[in-house]
PDB file of N, CA and C in Angstrom:
ATOM      1  N   MET A   1       9.769 -11.003 -16.230  1.00  0.00           N
ATOM      2  CA  MET A   1       9.357  -9.882 -17.027  1.00  0.00           C
ATOM      3  C   MET A   1       8.923  -8.695 -16.174  1.00  0.00           C
ATOM      4  N   SER A   2       9.639  -7.437 -16.429  1.00  0.00           N
ATOM      5  CA  SER A   2       9.331  -6.342 -15.772  1.00  0.00           C
ATOM      6  C   SER A   2       8.095  -5.863 -16.143  1.00  0.00           C
ATOM      7  N   LYS A   3       7.361  -4.982 -15.423  1.00  0.00           N
ATOM      8  CA  LYS A   3       6.253  -4.136 -15.745  1.00  0.00           C
ATOM      9  C   LYS A   3       6.373  -2.739 -15.670  1.00  0.00           C
ATOM     10  N   THR A   4       5.748  -1.941 -16.369  1.00  0.00           N
ATOM     11  CA  THR A   4       5.722  -0.504 -16.463  1.00  0.00           C
ATOM     12  C   THR A   4       4.483  -0.206 -15.620  1.00  0.00           C
ATOM     13  N   ILE A   5       4.772   0.806 -14.666  1.00  0.00           N
ATOM     14  CA  ILE A   5       3.574   1.363 -14.085  1.00  0.00           C
ATOM     15  C   ILE A   5       3.546   2.900 -14.008  1.00  0.00           C
ATOM     16  N   THR A   6       2.666   3.801 -13.867  1.00  0.00           N
ATOM     17  CA  THR A   6       2.449   5.148 -13.908  1.00  0.00           C
ATOM     18  C   THR A   6       2.287   5.516 -12.372  1.00  0.00           C
ATOM     19  N   LEU A   7       2.846   6.223 -11.780  1.00  0.00           N
ATOM     20  CA  LEU A   7       2.874   6.993 -10.371  1.00  0.00           C
ATOM     21  C   LEU A   7       2.874   8.195 -10.325  1.00  0.00           C
ATOM     22  N   ARG A   8       1.880   8.958  -9.767  1.00  0.00           N
ATOM     23  CA  ARG A   8       1.697  10.316  -9.849  1.00  0.00           C
ATOM     24  C   ARG A   8       2.010  10.651  -8.292  1.00  0.00           C
ATOM     25  N   ILE A   9       3.087  11.558  -8.253  1.00  0.00           N
ATOM     26  CA  ILE A   9       3.542  12.151  -6.860  1.00  0.00           C
ATOM     27  C   ILE A   9       3.681  13.640  -6.902  1.00  0.00           C
ATOM     28  N   ASP A  10       3.680  14.232  -5.587  1.00  0.00           N
ATOM     29  CA  ASP A  10       3.811  15.607  -5.682  1.00  0.00           C
ATOM     30  C   ASP A  10       5.289  16.011  -5.892  1.00  0.00           C
ATOM     31  N   ASP A  11       5.481  17.151  -6.362  1.00  0.00           N
ATOM     32  CA  ASP A  11       6.856  17.802  -6.804  1.00  0.00           C
ATOM     33  C   ASP A  11       7.963  17.500  -5.602  1.00  0.00           C
ATOM     34  N   GLU A  12       7.462  17.794  -4.464  1.00  0.00           N
ATOM     35  CA  GLU A  12       8.291  17.736  -3.105  1.00  0.00           C
ATOM     36  C   GLU A  12       8.485  16.241  -2.877  1.00  0.00           C
ATOM     37  N   VAL A  13       7.778  15.260  -3.145  1.00  0.00           N
ATOM     38  CA  VAL A  13       8.128  13.962  -2.912  1.00  0.00           C
ATOM     39  C   VAL A  13       9.167  13.516  -4.062  1.00  0.00           C
ATOM     40  N   TYR A  14       8.702  13.906  -5.194  1.00  0.00           N
ATOM     41  CA  TYR A  14       9.647  13.401  -6.285  1.00  0.00           C
ATOM     42  C   TYR A  14      11.124  14.085  -5.950  1.00  0.00           C
ATOM     43  N   GLN A  15      11.377  15.283  -5.468  1.00  0.00           N
ATOM     44  CA  GLN A  15      12.697  15.878  -5.173  1.00  0.00           C
ATOM     45  C   GLN A  15      13.250  14.877  -4.075  1.00  0.00           C
ATOM     46  N   ILE A  16      12.267  14.468  -2.921  1.00  0.00           N
ATOM     47  CA  ILE A  16      12.993  13.660  -1.962  1.00  0.00           C
ATOM     48  C   ILE A  16      13.583  12.305  -2.711  1.00  0.00           C
ATOM     49  N   LEU A  17      12.568  11.715  -3.496  1.00  0.00           N
ATOM     50  CA  LEU A  17      12.831  10.296  -4.026  1.00  0.00           C
ATOM     51  C   LEU A  17      14.287  10.599  -4.996  1.00  0.00           C
ATOM     52  N   LYS A  18      14.294  11.691  -5.702  1.00  0.00           N
ATOM     53  CA  LYS A  18      15.391  11.934  -6.634  1.00  0.00           C
ATOM     54  C   LYS A  18      16.666  12.021  -5.703  1.00  0.00           C
ATOM     55  N   THR A  19      16.704  12.824  -4.595  1.00  0.00           N
ATOM     56  CA  THR A  19      17.811  12.859  -3.756  1.00  0.00           C
ATOM     57  C   THR A  19      18.258  11.608  -3.132  1.00  0.00           C
ATOM     58  N   ALA A  20      17.311  10.927  -2.583  1.00  0.00           N
ATOM     59  CA  ALA A  20      17.568   9.576  -2.000  1.00  0.00           C
ATOM     60  C   ALA A  20      18.261   8.718  -3.181  1.00  0.00           C
ATOM     61  N   ALA A  21      17.655   8.756  -4.189  1.00  0.00           N
ATOM     62  CA  ALA A  21      18.144   7.776  -5.313  1.00  0.00           C
ATOM     63  C   ALA A  21      19.659   8.173  -5.681  1.00  0.00           C
ATOM     64  N   ASN A  22      19.869   9.408  -6.011  1.00  0.00           N
ATOM     65  CA  ASN A  22      21.208   9.830  -6.205  1.00  0.00           C
ATOM     66  C   ASN A  22      22.215   9.483  -5.009  1.00  0.00           C
ATOM     67  N   GLY A  23      21.752   9.650  -3.890  1.00  0.00           N
ATOM     68  CA  GLY A  23      22.598   8.993  -2.729  1.00  0.00           C
ATOM     69  C   GLY A  23      22.924   7.656  -2.744  1.00  0.00           C
ATOM     70  N   GLU A  24      22.134   6.797  -3.362  1.00  0.00           N
ATOM     71  CA  GLU A  24      22.331   5.437  -3.616  1.00  0.00           C
ATOM     72  C   GLU A  24      22.777   5.176  -4.874  1.00  0.00           C
ATOM     73  N   LYS A  25      23.108   5.974  -5.571  1.00  0.00           N
ATOM     74  CA  LYS A  25      23.793   5.719  -6.876  1.00  0.00           C
ATOM     75  C   LYS A  25      22.689   4.853  -7.772  1.00  0.00           C
ATOM     76  N   ARG A  26      21.481   5.157  -7.732  1.00  0.00           N
ATOM     77  CA  ARG A  26      20.289   4.492  -8.446  1.00  0.00           C
ATOM     78  C   ARG A  26      19.498   5.288  -9.291  1.00  0.00           C
ATOM     79  N   THR A  27      18.830   4.783 -10.269  1.00  0.00           N
ATOM     80  CA  THR A  27      17.743   5.448 -10.855  1.00  0.00           C
ATOM     81  C   THR A  27      16.549   5.743  -9.954  1.00  0.00           C
ATOM     82  N   ILE A  28      15.562   6.746 -10.078  1.00  0.00           N
ATOM     83  CA  ILE A  28      14.438   6.919  -9.217  1.00  0.00           C
ATOM     84  C   ILE A  28      13.693   5.679  -9.414  1.00  0.00           C
ATOM     85  N   SER A  29      13.388   5.254 -10.406  1.00  0.00           N
ATOM     86  CA  SER A  29      12.648   3.976 -10.741  1.00  0.00           C
ATOM     87  C   SER A  29      13.333   2.725  -9.965  1.00  0.00           C
ATOM     88  N   ASN A  30      14.487   2.563 -10.056  1.00  0.00           N
ATOM     89  CA  ASN A  30      15.250   1.484  -9.156  1.00  0.00           C
ATOM     90  C   ASN A  30      15.022   1.810  -7.651  1.00  0.00           C
ATOM     91  N   PHE A  31      15.255   2.981  -7.264  1.00  0.00           N
ATOM     92  CA  PHE A  31      15.062   3.359  -6.007  1.00  0.00           C
ATOM     93  C   PHE A  31      13.799   3.233  -5.409  1.00  0.00           C
ATOM     94  N   ILE A  32      12.755   3.405  -6.167  1.00  0.00           N
ATOM     95  CA  ILE A  32      11.317   3.354  -5.614  1.00  0.00           C
ATOM     96  C   ILE A  32      11.116   1.635  -5.620  1.00  0.00           C
ATOM     97  N   GLU A  33      11.454   0.858  -6.397  1.00  0.00           N
ATOM     98  CA  GLU A  33      11.525  -0.375  -6.196  1.00  0.00           C
ATOM     99  C   GLU A  33      12.232  -0.934  -5.073  1.00  0.00           C
ATOM    100  N   PHE A  34      13.546  -0.547  -4.763  1.00  0.00           N
ATOM    101  CA  PHE A  34      14.412  -0.736  -3.653  1.00  0.00           C
ATOM    102  C   PHE A  34      13.492  -0.539  -2.422  1.00  0.00           C
ATOM    103  N   ALA A  35      13.115   0.653  -2.280  1.00  0.00           N
ATOM    104  CA  ALA A  35      12.432   1.049  -0.995  1.00  0.00           C
ATOM    105  C   ALA A  35      11.271   0.352  -0.866  1.00  0.00           C
ATOM    106  N   ALA A  36      10.502   0.025  -1.659  1.00  0.00           N
ATOM    107  CA  ALA A  36       9.429  -0.711  -1.531  1.00  0.00           C
ATOM    108  C   ALA A  36       9.403  -2.015  -1.088  1.00  0.00           C
ATOM    109  N   LEU A  37      10.428  -2.755  -1.972  1.00  0.00           N
ATOM    110  CA  LEU A  37      10.861  -4.166  -1.457  1.00  0.00           C
ATOM    111  C   LEU A  37      11.385  -4.135   0.021  1.00  0.00           C
ATOM    112  N   ASN A  38      12.289  -2.956   0.475  1.00  0.00           N
ATOM    113  CA  ASN A  38      12.764  -2.948   1.727  1.00  0.00           C
ATOM    114  C   ASN A  38      11.871  -2.885   2.692  1.00  0.00           C
ATOM    115  N   TYR A  39      10.664  -1.943   2.502  1.00  0.00           N
ATOM    116  CA  TYR A  39       9.624  -1.672   3.397  1.00  0.00           C
ATOM    117  C   TYR A  39       8.828  -2.966   3.550  1.00  0.00           C
ATOM    118  N   LEU A  40       8.525  -3.875   2.494  1.00  0.00           N
ATOM    119  CA  LEU A  40       7.716  -5.009   2.547  1.00  0.00           C
ATOM    120  C   LEU A  40       8.353  -6.229   3.149  1.00  0.00           C
ATOM    121  N   SER A  41       9.733  -6.076   3.079  1.00  0.00           N
ATOM    122  CA  SER A  41      10.252  -7.220   3.645  1.00  0.00           C
ATOM    123  C   SER A  41      10.648  -7.034   5.206  1.00  0.00           C
ATOM    124  N   SER A  42      10.608  -5.678   5.554  1.00  0.00           N
ATOM    125  CA  SER A  42      10.693  -5.397   7.109  1.00  0.00           C
ATOM    126  C   SER A  42       9.332  -5.410   7.717  1.00  0.00           C
ATOM    127  N   SER A  43       8.301  -5.475   7.014  1.00  0.00           N
ATOM    128  CA  SER A  43       7.027  -5.408   7.557  1.00  0.00           C
ATOM    129  C   SER A  43       6.605  -6.750   7.984  1.00  0.00           C
ATOM    130  N   THR A  44       5.809  -6.854   8.946  1.00  0.00           N
ATOM    131  CA  THR A  44       5.055  -8.352   9.301  1.00  0.00           C
ATOM    132  C   THR A  44       3.588  -8.387   8.633  1.00  0.00           C
ATOM    133  N   TYR A  45       3.268  -9.057   7.787  1.00  0.00           N
ATOM    134  CA  TYR A  45       1.999  -9.289   7.340  1.00  0.00           C
ATOM    135  C   TYR A  45       1.231 -10.686   7.680  1.00  0.00           C
ATOM    136  N   VAL A  46       0.268 -10.728   8.085  1.00  0.00           N
ATOM    137  CA  VAL A  46      -0.587 -11.975   8.440  1.00  0.00           C
ATOM    138  C   VAL A  46      -1.799 -12.173   7.435  1.00  0.00           C
ATOM    139  N   SER A  47      -1.761 -13.185   6.766  1.00  0.00           N
ATOM    140  CA  SER A  47      -3.066 -13.459   5.753  1.00  0.00           C
ATOM    141  C   SER A  47      -4.571 -13.649   6.791  1.00  0.00           C
ATOM    142  N   ASP A  48      -5.651 -13.341   6.043  1.00  0.00           N
ATOM    143  CA  ASP A  48      -6.808 -13.564   6.935  1.00  0.00           C
ATOM    144  C   ASP A  48      -6.838 -15.180   7.723  1.00  0.00           C
ATOM    145  N   LYS A  49      -6.451 -15.984   6.689  1.00  0.00           N
ATOM    146  CA  LYS A  49      -6.414 -17.421   7.320  1.00  0.00           C
ATOM    147  C   LYS A  49      -5.538 -17.688   8.263  1.00  0.00           C
ATOM    148  N   GLU A  50      -4.238 -17.058   8.147  1.00  0.00           N
ATOM    149  CA  GLU A  50      -3.404 -17.343   9.327  1.00  0.00           C
ATOM    150  C   GLU A  50      -3.813 -16.635  10.642  1.00  0.00           C
ATOM    151  N   MET A  51      -4.550 -15.247  10.518  1.00  0.00           N
ATOM    152  CA  MET A  51      -5.012 -14.549  11.566  1.00  0.00           C
ATOM    153  C   MET A  51      -6.286 -15.418  12.274  1.00  0.00           C
ATOM    154  N   GLU A  52      -7.054 -16.071  11.327  1.00  0.00           N
ATOM    155  CA  GLU A  52      -8.088 -17.061  11.957  1.00  0.00           C
ATOM    156  C   GLU A  52      -7.637 -17.996  12.645  1.00  0.00           C
ATOM    157  N   GLU A  53      -6.612 -18.668  12.065  1.00  0.00           N
ATOM    158  CA  GLU A  53      -5.831 -19.785  13.098  1.00  0.00           C
ATOM    159  C   GLU A  53      -5.142 -19.448  14.379  1.00  0.00           C
ATOM    160  N   ILE A  54      -4.721 -18.265  14.266  1.00  0.00           N
ATOM    161  CA  ILE A  54      -4.073 -17.673  15.665  1.00  0.00           C
ATOM    162  C   ILE A  54      -5.202 -17.553  16.691  1.00  0.00           C
ATOM    163  N   MET A  55      -6.246 -16.766  16.199  1.00  0.00           N
ATOM    164  CA  MET A  55      -7.278 -16.347  16.985  1.00  0.00           C
ATOM    165  C   MET A  55      -7.995 -17.583  17.666  1.00  0.00           C
ATOM    166  N   ASN A  56      -8.151 -18.667  16.810  1.00  0.00           N
ATOM    167  CA  ASN A  56      -8.650 -19.850  17.365  1.00  0.00           C
ATOM    168  C   ASN A  56      -7.829 -20.824  17.923  1.00  0.00           C
ATOM    169  N   ASP A  57      -6.572 -20.376  18.308  1.00  0.00           N
ATOM    170  CA  ASP A  57      -5.673 -21.401  18.992  1.00  0.00           C
ATOM    171  C   ASP A  57      -5.717 -20.872  20.547  1.00  0.00           C
ATOM    172  N   THR A  58      -6.613 -21.838  21.066  1.00  0.00           N
ATOM    173  CA  THR A  58      -6.964 -21.547  22.727  1.00  0.00           C
ATOM    174  C   THR A  58      -5.362 -21.768  23.510  1.00  0.00           C
ATOM    175  N   GLU A  59      -4.816 -22.744  23.181  1.00  0.00           N
ATOM    176  CA  GLU A  59      -3.420 -22.767  23.848  1.00  0.00           C
ATOM    177  C   GLU A  59      -2.662 -21.540  23.835  1.00  0.00           C
ATOM    178  N   LEU A  60      -2.659 -21.104  22.528  1.00  0.00           N
ATOM    179  CA  LEU A  60      -1.715 -19.864  22.200  1.00  0.00           C
ATOM    180  C   LEU A  60      -2.248 -18.738  23.086  1.00  0.00           C
ATOM    181  N   LYS A  61      -3.702 -18.464  23.015  1.00  0.00           N
ATOM    182  CA  LYS A  61      -3.947 -17.514  23.709  1.00  0.00           C
ATOM    183  C   LYS A  61      -4.068 -17.443  24.936  1.00  0.00           C
ATOM    184  N   ASN A  62      -4.185 -18.733  25.605  1.00  0.00           N
ATOM    185  CA  ASN A  62      -3.906 -18.963  27.238  1.00  0.00           C
ATOM    186  C   ASN A  62      -2.564 -18.484  27.504  1.00  0.00           C
ATOM    187  N   SER A  63      -1.753 -18.930  26.814  1.00  0.00           N
ATOM    188  CA  SER A  63      -0.218 -18.825  27.048  1.00  0.00           C
ATOM    189  C   SER A  63       0.057 -17.144  26.902  1.00  0.00           C
ATOM    190  N   ILE A  64      -0.422 -16.621  26.159  1.00  0.00           N
ATOM    191  CA  ILE A  64      -0.172 -14.993  25.938  1.00  0.00           C
ATOM    192  C   ILE A  64      -0.884 -14.293  27.210  1.00  0.00           C
ATOM    193  N   HIS A  65      -2.060 -14.717  27.461  1.00  0.00           N
ATOM    194  CA  HIS A  65      -2.878 -14.268  28.652  1.00  0.00           C
ATOM    195  C   HIS A  65      -2.004 -14.390  29.843  1.00  0.00           C
ATOM    196  N   ASN A  66      -1.413 -15.582  30.060  1.00  0.00           N
ATOM    197  CA  ASN A  66      -0.762 -16.001  31.339  1.00  0.00           C
ATOM    198  C   ASN A  66       0.636 -15.039  31.254  1.00  0.00           C
ATOM    199  N   ALA A  67       1.316 -14.979  30.276  1.00  0.00           N
ATOM    200  CA  ALA A  67       2.609 -14.113  30.192  1.00  0.00           C
ATOM    201  C   ALA A  67       2.231 -12.743  30.576  1.00  0.00           C
ATOM    202  N   LEU A  68       1.082 -12.064  29.944  1.00  0.00           N
ATOM    203  CA  LEU A  68       0.713 -10.698  30.486  1.00  0.00           C
ATOM    204  C   LEU A  68       0.319 -10.569  31.739  1.00  0.00           C
ATOM    205  N   LYS A  69      -0.208 -11.852  32.447  1.00  0.00           N
ATOM    206  CA  LYS A  69      -0.462 -11.520  33.887  1.00  0.00           C
ATOM    207  C   LYS A  69       0.731 -11.594  34.514  1.00  0.00           C
ATOM    208  N   ASP A  70       1.721 -12.322  34.131  1.00  0.00           N
ATOM    209  CA  ASP A  70       3.168 -12.339  34.860  1.00  0.00           C
ATOM    210  C   ASP A  70       3.742 -11.142  34.563  1.00  0.00           C
ATOM    211  N   ILE A  71       3.602 -10.450  33.574  1.00  0.00           N
ATOM    212  CA  ILE A  71       4.452  -9.072  33.497  1.00  0.00           C
ATOM    213  C   ILE A  71       3.653  -8.060  34.315  1.00  0.00           C
ATOM    214  N   GLU A  72       2.493  -8.117  34.450  1.00  0.00           N
ATOM    215  CA  GLU A  72       1.923  -7.021  35.410  1.00  0.00           C
ATOM    216  C   GLU A  72       2.158  -7.368  36.714  1.00  0.00           C
ATOM    217  N   LYS A  73       2.379  -8.502  37.123  1.00  0.00           N
ATOM    218  CA  LYS A  73       2.897  -8.928  38.571  1.00  0.00           C
ATOM    219  C   LYS A  73       4.484  -8.708  38.828  1.00  0.00           C
ATOM    220  N   GLY A  74       5.052  -8.588  37.703  1.00  0.00           N
ATOM    221  CA  GLY A  74       6.635  -8.356  37.725  1.00  0.00           C
ATOM    222  C   GLY A  74       7.476  -9.650  37.818  1.00  0.00           C
ATOM    223  N   ASP A  75       6.605 -10.677  37.522  1.00  0.00           N
ATOM    224  CA  ASP A  75       7.132 -12.000  37.523  1.00  0.00           C
ATOM    225  C   ASP A  75       7.610 -12.467  36.291  1.00  0.00           C
ATOM    226  N   TYR A  76       8.838 -11.756  35.769  1.00  0.00           N
ATOM    227  CA  TYR A  76       9.685 -12.164  35.037  1.00  0.00           C
ATOM    228  C   TYR A  76      10.953 -11.791  34.982  1.00  0.00           C
ATOM    229  N   SER A  77      11.883 -12.490  33.844  1.00  0.00           N
ATOM    230  CA  SER A  77      13.168 -11.929  34.313  1.00  0.00           C
ATOM    231  C   SER A  77      13.720 -11.653  32.463  1.00  0.00           C
ATOM    232  N   ILE A  78      14.610 -10.847  32.336  1.00  0.00           N
ATOM    233  CA  ILE A  78      15.250 -10.395  31.108  1.00  0.00           C
ATOM    234  C   ILE A  78      16.313 -11.250  30.856  1.00  0.00           C
ATOM    235  N   VAL A  79      16.370 -11.952  29.900  1.00  0.00           N
ATOM    236  CA  VAL A  79      17.625 -12.610  29.351  1.00  0.00           C
ATOM    237  C   VAL A  79      18.371 -12.137  28.270  1.00  0.00           C
ATOM    238  N   SER A  80      19.782 -11.892  28.480  1.00  0.00           N
ATOM    239  CA  SER A  80      20.456 -11.298  27.585  1.00  0.00           C
ATOM    240  C   SER A  80      21.358 -12.263  26.581  1.00  0.00           C
TER     241      SER A  80
END
């Protein structure tokens, strides 16, 4: 079920969104939804629980620390 929200934006931002929506042949509402989903799916988010697990993973932290030391020494190769 879709929800209706109220969004207050400056006139300049509105014109940018309107132009972008027209360019994509979308309504402004649909473009805002599209842009928000695109942004969220391309960004990386970690929950507090997951971050706690990462920070408590001694093996992972040691591996990263050793990798950074190797990089500083120039002891690495780029694989393409």
